[in-house]
């Protein structure tokens, strides 16, 4: 049987964001988890198991940026014959794409962390802070050559008044009475499958095990506050429009004492007045007068490295391409630099005076078939076509 489309398996659109993919995965995995079919028939159990494996395989591909790009381009063929496929996995060891199973069980059994009914409780670490997005616009020259940029943005960080403790100045920290200083609490819940004990982070001290006797007035005991960050980063040469950079730990602070989230810098490249990008090559349309194209000569060309001059031969035709080697964009994954392609656009003169029109008419009358080879060939073919 042919494999189903991975997006269809998860119930997600092809252009879905990472968050939407994860949400779809959780929903699908909860629906077909085998423990929901413990009282079902063997046939139903087998169908649920197959579905669960299929969902796992789809998520392992679509949750990985590189694998997803390969899949979008080549489909299932990208992972056949040793092509780095996801692998369906089994129910025994929830590795690989199942890093979110704790969240799934937390949602399924109403808990926030471990699932005691499956071989003991598991405590989740404190959640990291939220990721942030920064939109950065570059010129084509900056994207081609690389550049340093200073980012300035707001995020939640450690409170400057209490230095992240959450306590008012002079106030002491005391053991949390709810979790007795452990930072975790145990919750037993009844489900249709029996009682399940979950270990959750204490919602009173947020996993710290202690609370301030008097909360900081500025951050209300959270230990975090808004701060302005300035960060200078290096943009690699050859970066393209729509790509993004990940800055680990530069996002919002965690409200639970975990690591900061990440900052994602999304790149957009301004439209250039002369150049059109095509991978690592750039294309430049250059207008040339009728006389220059006919007689040949030197023309001045704008490049990413300044003005340069090239020679065009006599009789250069419209849309003729000339390559300027190494004048393109650096390939970020190799030492290779692209080329600049010059496309000739012959400009037909307008607003001629009567004297100029007469001269042009005489010039045209002086031309022979050998001067207009394409014209002669076309009309010879046309004559044969209608004969």
Protein backbone atom coordinates (compact mmCIF):
# COMPACT_ATOMS: atom_id res chain seq x y z
CA UNK A 1 0.00 0.00 0.00
CA UNK A 2 1.33 3.44 -0.93
CA UNK A 3 2.26 5.70 1.96
CA UNK A 4 -0.14 8.48 2.83
CA UNK A 5 0.98 12.09 2.64
CA UNK A 6 2.63 13.02 5.97
CA UNK A 7 0.64 16.27 6.22
CA UNK A 8 -2.56 14.28 5.74
CA UNK A 9 -1.45 11.82 8.44
CA UNK A 10 -1.10 14.62 11.00
CA UNK A 11 -4.09 16.58 9.71
CA UNK A 12 -1.94 19.66 9.02
CA UNK A 13 -1.70 22.00 6.03
CA UNK A 14 1.44 21.86 3.88
CA UNK A 15 2.47 25.40 4.84
CA UNK A 16 1.79 24.85 8.57
CA UNK A 17 4.15 26.42 11.10
CA UNK A 18 6.29 24.37 13.52
CA UNK A 19 3.80 25.13 16.30
CA UNK A 20 0.86 23.97 14.16
CA UNK A 21 2.72 20.77 13.22
CA UNK A 22 3.40 20.01 16.89
CA UNK A 23 -0.22 20.71 17.84
CA UNK A 24 -1.51 18.44 15.08
CA UNK A 25 0.91 15.69 16.15
CA UNK A 26 -0.22 15.82 19.77
CA UNK A 27 -3.86 15.63 18.78
CA UNK A 28 -3.31 12.69 16.43
CA UNK A 29 -1.06 10.78 18.86
CA UNK A 30 -3.58 11.18 21.69
CA UNK A 31 -6.35 9.86 19.44
CA UNK A 32 -4.54 6.66 18.46
CA UNK A 33 -2.39 5.92 21.51
CA UNK A 34 -2.64 2.14 22.19
CA UNK A 35 -3.63 2.61 25.85
CA UNK A 36 -6.91 4.07 24.67
CA UNK A 37 -7.63 0.74 22.96
CA UNK A 38 -6.75 -1.60 25.85
CA UNK A 39 -10.30 -2.98 25.92
CA UNK A 40 -10.74 -3.08 22.17
CA UNK A 41 -10.63 -6.07 19.83
CA UNK A 42 -7.32 -7.33 18.44
CA UNK A 43 -8.19 -5.90 15.03
CA UNK A 44 -8.87 -2.45 16.49
CA UNK A 45 -5.66 -2.64 18.55
CA UNK A 46 -3.63 -3.48 15.43
CA UNK A 47 -5.22 -0.62 13.47
CA UNK A 48 -4.48 1.83 16.31
CA UNK A 49 -0.89 0.58 16.53
CA UNK A 50 -0.37 1.05 12.79
CA UNK A 51 -1.87 4.54 12.95
CA UNK A 52 0.34 5.45 15.89
CA UNK A 53 3.47 4.31 14.06
CA UNK A 54 2.41 6.26 10.97
CA UNK A 55 1.90 9.42 13.06
CA UNK A 56 5.32 8.97 14.68
CA UNK A 57 7.02 8.61 11.30
CA UNK A 58 5.26 11.68 9.88
CA UNK A 59 6.17 13.84 12.87
CA UNK A 60 9.83 12.80 12.85
CA UNK A 61 10.09 14.16 9.29
CA UNK A 62 7.88 17.27 9.52
CA UNK A 63 9.31 18.42 12.87
CA UNK A 64 12.85 18.45 11.45
CA UNK A 65 13.56 21.50 9.29
CA UNK A 66 15.99 19.72 6.93
CA UNK A 67 13.92 16.52 6.57
CA UNK A 68 10.78 18.56 5.99
CA UNK A 69 12.47 20.54 3.20
CA UNK A 70 13.55 17.27 1.53
CA UNK A 71 10.06 15.81 1.89
CA UNK A 72 8.40 18.94 0.46
CA UNK A 73 10.67 18.69 -2.57
CA UNK A 74 10.87 14.95 -3.22
CA UNK A 75 8.04 13.39 -1.19
CA UNK A 76 8.55 9.89 0.23
CA UNK A 77 11.29 9.25 -2.34
CA UNK A 78 13.62 11.45 -0.28
CA UNK A 79 13.81 8.76 2.41
CA UNK A 80 13.79 5.58 0.36
CA UNK A 81 16.83 3.38 -0.36
CA UNK A 82 18.88 4.67 2.57
CA UNK A 83 17.89 8.28 2.07
CA UNK A 84 17.69 9.13 5.76
CA UNK A 85 14.09 8.13 6.40
CA UNK A 86 12.23 8.66 9.61
CA UNK A 87 11.62 5.07 10.57
CA UNK A 88 8.32 4.04 12.04
CA UNK A 89 9.68 3.07 15.45
CA UNK A 90 7.70 0.97 17.95
CA UNK A 91 5.90 1.35 21.22
CA UNK A 92 8.76 0.03 23.34
CA UNK A 93 11.18 2.97 23.29
CA UNK A 94 9.68 6.37 22.70
CA UNK A 95 12.75 8.05 21.22
CA UNK A 96 13.41 10.19 18.18
CA UNK A 97 10.29 12.09 17.25
CA UNK A 98 8.54 11.33 20.57
CA UNK A 99 10.12 14.07 22.65
CA UNK A 100 6.59 15.43 23.19
CA UNK A 101 5.07 12.26 24.63
CA UNK A 102 5.24 13.72 28.13
CA UNK A 103 3.05 16.57 26.95
CA UNK A 104 0.69 14.13 25.26
CA UNK A 105 0.26 12.05 28.39
CA UNK A 106 -0.03 15.21 30.46
CA UNK A 107 -2.91 16.34 28.26
CA UNK A 108 -4.43 12.85 28.08
CA UNK A 109 -4.42 12.20 31.83
CA UNK A 110 -4.88 15.79 32.92
CA UNK A 111 -1.41 16.13 34.44
CA UNK A 112 1.46 18.41 33.57
CA UNK A 113 4.34 15.99 33.84
CA UNK A 114 5.01 12.30 34.48
CA UNK A 115 2.68 9.35 34.13
CA UNK A 116 2.93 7.01 37.10
CA UNK A 117 0.66 4.36 35.61
CA UNK A 118 3.36 3.54 33.03
CA UNK A 119 6.21 2.36 35.23
CA UNK A 120 6.74 5.17 37.74
CA UNK A 121 6.42 8.92 37.79
CA UNK A 122 8.52 11.21 35.68
CA UNK A 123 9.30 14.77 36.61
CA UNK A 124 9.57 17.32 33.87
CA UNK A 125 12.14 20.04 34.17
CA UNK A 126 11.12 23.69 34.27
CA UNK A 127 9.75 24.99 30.99
CA UNK A 128 12.05 27.27 28.98
CA UNK A 129 10.99 30.83 28.20
CA UNK A 130 9.10 31.77 25.06
CA UNK A 131 10.88 32.10 21.73
CA UNK A 132 10.91 35.52 20.07
CA UNK A 133 10.90 36.63 16.44
CA UNK A 134 12.96 39.53 15.04
CA UNK A 135 12.44 40.74 11.45
CA UNK A 136 15.66 42.01 9.88
CA UNK A 137 15.80 43.71 6.47
CA UNK A 138 19.05 43.65 4.48
CA UNK A 139 20.22 45.15 1.22
CA UNK A 140 21.29 42.71 -1.48
CA UNK A 141 24.90 43.84 -0.98
CA UNK A 142 24.70 43.02 2.76
CA UNK A 143 23.14 39.62 2.09
CA UNK A 144 25.74 38.83 -0.59
CA UNK A 145 28.84 39.80 1.37
CA UNK A 146 27.74 39.28 4.99
CA UNK A 147 27.47 42.03 7.56
CA UNK A 148 27.35 42.74 11.29
CA UNK A 149 24.02 44.02 12.61
CA UNK A 150 23.05 45.22 16.07
CA UNK A 151 19.63 44.00 17.14
CA UNK A 152 17.68 45.97 19.72
CA UNK A 153 14.54 44.43 21.16
CA UNK A 154 12.51 43.92 24.34
CA UNK A 155 12.28 40.64 26.22
CA UNK A 156 11.51 39.39 29.69
CA UNK A 157 14.67 38.99 31.76
CA UNK A 158 15.84 38.85 35.35
CA UNK A 159 14.25 41.54 37.51
CA UNK A 160 16.79 44.29 38.19
CA UNK A 161 15.33 45.07 41.60
CA UNK A 162 15.37 41.61 43.18
CA UNK A 163 17.99 40.12 40.79
CA UNK A 164 15.67 37.27 39.91
CA UNK A 165 14.92 36.08 43.44
CA UNK A 166 11.36 37.44 43.49
CA UNK A 167 11.91 38.76 47.05
CA UNK A 168 11.66 42.33 48.25
CA UNK A 169 15.00 43.81 49.33
CA UNK A 170 15.80 42.61 52.87
CA UNK A 171 13.17 39.85 52.70
CA UNK A 172 14.24 36.25 53.26
CA UNK A 173 13.38 33.15 51.29
CA UNK A 174 11.51 30.40 53.13
CA UNK A 175 10.72 26.78 52.31
CA UNK A 176 7.60 26.37 50.19
CA UNK A 177 4.85 24.94 52.37
CA UNK A 178 2.95 23.39 49.46
CA UNK A 179 5.77 21.12 48.22
CA UNK A 180 7.81 21.09 51.44
CA UNK A 181 10.80 22.45 49.56
CA UNK A 182 10.97 19.71 46.92
CA UNK A 183 9.70 21.85 44.06
CA UNK A 184 7.28 19.12 42.98
CA UNK A 185 3.85 17.88 43.99
CA UNK A 186 2.15 14.53 43.39
CA UNK A 187 -1.34 14.36 41.96
CA UNK A 188 -3.42 11.18 41.73
CA UNK A 189 -6.11 11.20 39.10
CA UNK A 190 -8.83 8.78 38.22
CA UNK A 191 -9.33 7.79 34.61
CA UNK A 192 -11.21 5.06 32.79
CA UNK A 193 -7.96 3.08 32.86
CA UNK A 194 -7.48 3.32 36.62
CA UNK A 195 -5.65 5.70 38.95
CA UNK A 196 -2.60 7.50 37.66
CA UNK A 197 -0.14 9.44 39.76
CA UNK A 198 1.57 12.36 38.10
CA UNK A 199 4.51 14.36 39.39
CA UNK A 200 4.14 18.03 38.61
CA UNK A 201 6.11 21.15 39.23
CA UNK A 202 4.83 23.00 42.28
CA UNK A 203 2.61 25.85 41.11
CA UNK A 204 3.33 27.86 44.26
CA UNK A 205 7.14 28.11 44.04
CA UNK A 206 7.43 27.18 40.32
CA UNK A 207 9.84 24.35 41.08
CA UNK A 208 12.27 26.41 43.18
CA UNK A 209 11.33 24.85 46.51
CA UNK A 210 11.28 28.21 48.25
CA UNK A 211 9.20 31.35 48.23
CA UNK A 212 9.93 34.92 49.32
CA UNK A 213 8.49 36.01 52.65
CA UNK A 214 7.75 39.34 51.00
CA UNK A 215 7.33 39.54 47.20
CA UNK A 216 9.26 42.08 45.12
CA UNK A 217 6.96 44.97 44.26
CA UNK A 218 8.40 45.44 40.81
CA UNK A 219 8.03 41.87 39.51
CA UNK A 220 5.36 40.68 41.97
CA UNK A 221 7.51 37.78 43.06
CA UNK A 222 8.07 36.32 39.59
CA UNK A 223 11.75 37.31 39.47
CA UNK A 224 11.44 38.53 35.88
CA UNK A 225 10.83 41.91 34.29
CA UNK A 226 10.95 43.53 30.85
CA UNK A 227 14.39 44.52 29.61
CA UNK A 228 15.88 46.04 26.44
CA UNK A 229 18.60 43.94 24.85
CA UNK A 230 21.21 44.98 22.30
CA UNK A 231 22.99 42.15 20.55
CA UNK A 232 25.47 42.41 17.68
CA UNK A 233 25.39 39.41 15.36
CA UNK A 234 27.22 38.35 12.21
CA UNK A 235 25.03 37.74 9.17
CA UNK A 236 26.77 35.11 7.00
CA UNK A 237 27.61 35.96 3.40
CA UNK A 238 25.13 34.49 0.92
CA UNK A 239 22.07 34.46 3.17
CA UNK A 240 18.83 34.61 1.20
CA UNK A 241 15.41 36.17 1.56
CA UNK A 242 13.12 34.10 3.83
CA UNK A 243 15.90 32.34 5.73
CA UNK A 244 16.20 32.59 9.50
CA UNK A 245 18.94 32.53 12.13
CA UNK A 246 18.50 31.00 15.60
CA UNK A 247 20.12 32.70 18.59
CA UNK A 248 19.99 30.23 21.47
CA UNK A 249 18.97 31.62 24.86
CA UNK A 250 18.24 35.12 23.56
CA UNK A 251 14.46 34.87 23.96
CA UNK A 252 12.22 35.49 26.96
CA UNK A 253 13.19 34.37 30.44
CA UNK A 254 11.40 31.36 31.92
CA UNK A 255 8.82 32.01 34.62
CA UNK A 256 9.72 28.63 36.13
CA UNK A 257 13.48 28.98 36.51
CA UNK A 258 14.26 27.18 33.25
CA UNK A 259 16.50 28.40 30.42
CA UNK A 260 15.63 31.38 28.26
CA UNK A 261 13.82 30.79 25.00
CA UNK A 262 15.49 31.41 21.65
CA UNK A 263 15.47 34.40 19.32
CA UNK A 264 14.72 33.71 15.65
CA UNK A 265 15.96 36.35 13.21
CA UNK A 266 13.92 36.27 9.98
CA UNK A 267 15.73 37.73 6.97
CA UNK A 268 14.11 39.80 4.24
CA UNK A 269 16.17 41.27 1.39
CA UNK A 270 15.20 44.57 -0.22
CA UNK A 271 14.50 44.71 -3.93
CA UNK A 272 17.54 46.02 -5.80
CA UNK A 273 17.31 48.73 -8.49
CA UNK A 274 19.64 46.82 -10.86
CA UNK A 275 19.99 43.19 -9.83
CA UNK A 276 17.75 40.15 -9.74
CA UNK A 277 18.99 37.22 -7.65
CA UNK A 278 18.96 33.66 -8.98
CA UNK A 279 20.54 31.42 -6.35
CA UNK A 280 24.16 32.54 -6.14
CA UNK A 281 24.04 34.28 -9.53
CA UNK A 282 22.71 37.76 -10.18
CA UNK A 283 21.12 39.02 -13.39
CA UNK A 284 21.42 42.59 -14.60
CA UNK A 285 19.57 44.05 -17.59
CA UNK A 286 21.67 46.68 -19.36
CA UNK A 287 20.18 49.01 -22.00
CA UNK A 288 22.38 49.45 -25.09
CA UNK A 289 21.83 51.83 -27.99
CA UNK A 290 21.09 50.45 -31.42
CA UNK A 291 24.35 51.91 -32.76
CA UNK A 292 26.47 50.43 -29.92
CA UNK A 293 24.90 46.99 -30.38
CA UNK A 294 25.52 47.22 -34.15
CA UNK A 295 29.09 48.51 -34.03
CA UNK A 296 30.21 46.91 -30.75
CA UNK A 297 32.31 48.56 -28.09
CA UNK A 298 32.65 48.96 -24.33
CA UNK A 299 29.74 49.35 -21.94
CA UNK A 300 29.78 50.21 -18.22
CA UNK A 301 28.18 47.65 -15.89
CA UNK A 302 27.16 48.01 -12.22
CA UNK A 303 28.30 45.08 -10.03
CA UNK A 304 28.20 44.27 -6.34
CA UNK A 305 31.88 45.25 -6.30
CA UNK A 306 31.49 48.61 -8.06
CA UNK A 307 31.45 49.73 -11.69
CA UNK A 308 33.13 47.55 -14.29
CA UNK A 309 33.50 47.63 -18.08
CA UNK A 310 32.88 44.83 -20.58
CA UNK A 311 33.24 44.67 -24.35
CA UNK A 312 30.39 43.60 -26.57
CA UNK A 313 31.04 42.47 -30.15
CA UNK A 314 29.60 44.13 -33.24
CA UNK A 315 26.17 42.78 -34.13
CA UNK A 316 25.14 42.01 -30.53
CA UNK A 317 21.49 40.96 -30.49
CA UNK A 318 18.75 41.77 -27.99
CA UNK A 319 18.70 39.46 -24.90
CA UNK A 320 22.26 38.32 -25.55
CA UNK A 321 23.80 37.10 -22.28
CA UNK A 322 27.34 37.84 -21.09
CA UNK A 323 28.83 36.18 -17.99
CA UNK A 324 31.01 38.06 -15.50
CA UNK A 325 32.64 35.23 -13.55
CA UNK A 326 32.85 35.54 -9.77
CA UNK A 327 30.81 38.75 -9.60
CA UNK A 328 27.78 37.07 -8.01
CA UNK A 329 26.97 35.97 -4.46
CA UNK A 330 29.08 33.77 -2.21
CA UNK A 331 27.73 30.29 -1.64
CA UNK A 332 27.42 29.99 2.18
CA UNK A 333 28.09 26.23 2.01
CA UNK A 334 31.19 26.30 -0.18
CA UNK A 335 34.06 28.58 -1.25
CA UNK A 336 32.32 29.06 -4.62
CA UNK A 337 31.05 32.50 -5.63
CA UNK A 338 28.35 32.89 -8.26
CA UNK A 339 28.47 34.92 -11.46
CA UNK A 340 26.81 38.04 -12.76
CA UNK A 341 24.78 37.56 -15.92
CA UNK A 342 24.49 40.68 -18.10
CA UNK A 343 21.42 40.64 -20.34
CA UNK A 344 21.53 43.09 -23.25
CA UNK A 345 18.41 45.16 -23.91
CA UNK A 346 18.67 47.05 -27.19
CA UNK A 347 16.90 50.38 -26.94
CA UNK A 348 14.98 51.49 -30.04
CA UNK A 349 15.35 55.26 -30.54
CA UNK A 350 12.21 57.38 -30.16
CA UNK A 351 11.25 61.02 -30.79
CA UNK A 352 13.28 61.23 -34.00
CA UNK A 353 13.49 64.47 -35.93
CA UNK A 354 12.49 64.50 -39.62
CA UNK A 355 16.15 64.65 -40.59
CA UNK A 356 16.95 61.61 -38.41
CA UNK A 357 13.99 59.70 -39.85
CA UNK A 358 15.21 60.39 -43.38
CA UNK A 359 18.74 59.25 -42.53
CA UNK A 360 17.36 56.07 -40.95
CA UNK A 361 15.17 55.41 -43.98
CA UNK A 362 18.14 55.73 -46.31
CA UNK A 363 20.22 53.53 -44.04
CA UNK A 364 17.52 50.84 -44.02
CA UNK A 365 17.24 50.92 -47.80
CA UNK A 366 20.99 50.39 -48.09
CA UNK A 367 20.84 47.12 -46.13
CA UNK A 368 20.96 43.75 -47.90
CA UNK A 369 19.81 40.26 -46.96
CA UNK A 370 23.22 39.49 -45.50
CA UNK A 371 22.71 42.31 -42.99
CA UNK A 372 19.39 40.85 -41.75
CA UNK A 373 19.88 37.07 -41.79
CA UNK A 374 17.13 36.24 -39.29
CA UNK A 375 14.69 38.47 -41.12
CA UNK A 376 15.43 36.76 -44.45
CA UNK A 377 15.20 33.24 -42.96
CA UNK A 378 11.86 34.03 -41.33
CA UNK A 379 10.20 35.32 -44.48
CA UNK A 380 11.64 32.48 -46.58
CA UNK A 381 10.04 29.98 -44.13
CA UNK A 382 6.82 31.97 -44.17
CA UNK A 383 6.68 31.85 -47.98
CA UNK A 384 7.24 28.08 -47.97
CA UNK A 385 4.61 27.63 -45.27
CA UNK A 386 1.86 29.25 -47.29
CA UNK A 387 2.92 27.85 -50.69
